[in-house]
Amino acid sequence: MKRLLSTETLTILAILLGILAGTVFPDFMLGVKWIGDLFLMLLKMLIIPLVFASVFVAIVSLGSGEALKNLGLKAFGYYFLTTALAVTTGLVIVNLIEPGTAHHLAGSAAITPPKEHTFASLLLSFVPSNIFTSLSQGKIVQILVFVIFFAVAVLHIEPTKRETLQLFFEAVNDAMGTIAAWIIKLTPLGVFSLIGYVVAKEGLQTLWDLKDYVLAVTLALAIHAVFILPLLAAWIGRFNPLEYFTKVREAVLIAFSTASSSATLPVSIEVAGEKGGVRRESAGFILPLGATVNMDGTALYEAIAVMFIANSYGVDLGFSQQIVIFLTATFASVGAAGIPGAGLVMMTMILSTVGLPLEAIGLIAAVDRILDMFRTSINVWGDLLAAKILNRFV
């Protein structure tokens, strides 16, 4: 009975009830959206102090800059590998299904093109000019850059002073973990509200109207999540991915309902450490880093979306142009988190590269929020697997 009433089981039930309520009682679910908003605000409340404390403790616990460099290089190498595999999967599936070829939908709504970013502006966006401004605005990448410098500097000060700072931030980290455990108990209620609102607002008919496109995205995401990532876990990490999923599935479910990797981060760190057997050093460094730069689901989605838009406009993208999509989606997904409006900028970057009109994004706007839930859950699942895999090398 206790297992049946666990938070994980109740969350799955809440997703099903949210879909039903959003379909049958749309006005009611639109009216109780504030419950989901409150749940999201409670999670977001923890993000900044949790990221700062967990990353600081993780780096100082590693004991040296050399150990940090070693783990960081492994993390970025792994992230690049999985993102490249995700984009490849997306391109293979979209070429097999060919969504958008049966009918041309080129009557899209116009959008305002975002500000273009150069390599220099991207690099500068990573570095905070005022850390307190970055903290107040929740700029995770800038906070990560500062806390890495801060923690590495602490490794070079007197041992007694270093221990004082380490004990302080360990206490902060533990306190944030306790608050996270309290908020997690509210998950079923928050998920019910969020899912019900999305279904009530968007409707299930939009999924049917773009069924070929939705099928291509969800199928490619499923292959990446169920086959490719678990195979890497078994091969590199040498652990059972299915058993691990049963322990950390709560974070994946919350990612699905919130469509936010950052909002899910407190839960990811909590379940990876408490239930998944991931060391604090691994979870505290790899998960915040992954939440900002590891976007397998997003990169895969962008590749399929661009191919769908091309098909809808009757534009045939050959092998060489698909290679360009592969390279752009893979590299852009790593840098996207440092750019305001990351998903939009990523999409327009790829569309511009292959010569497609930017207003074509209006074609996929109707189902973007729903598919965002799927791709975010894959992003978080990939982060959780990365933490467990790289945990082996700490």
Foldseek 3Di string as FASTA:
>chain_A
DCVCPDLVNLQVVLLVLLLVCLAPPVVVLQVVLVLLVVLLVLLLVLLLLQLLLLQLLLLVVLLAPVSVVVLVVVLVVVLLVLLLVLQVLLVVLCVVLVFQQVAFPPPFDFDDADDDDDPVNLVVLQADPDVVVCSVVVLLSNSSVVSVVVSNVLSVDDPVVSVVVSVVSVVSNVVSLVSLVVSSSCNSVSLSSQSNNLCNVLPPVVCVVRVSLVCSLLVSLCCSLVPVLQVCCCPQLVDHLVVLCVQLVSLLSSCLRVLALSSSLSSLLNSCVPRNVFDSSLSSNLSSLLSQFRQNSLLSSLLSLLSSLCSSVVHDDDPVLSVVSSVLSSVLSRSLSSDVVSSLNSNVVSCVSSVHDSSSVRVCVSCVVNSSSSSSSSSSSSSSSSSSSSSVVD
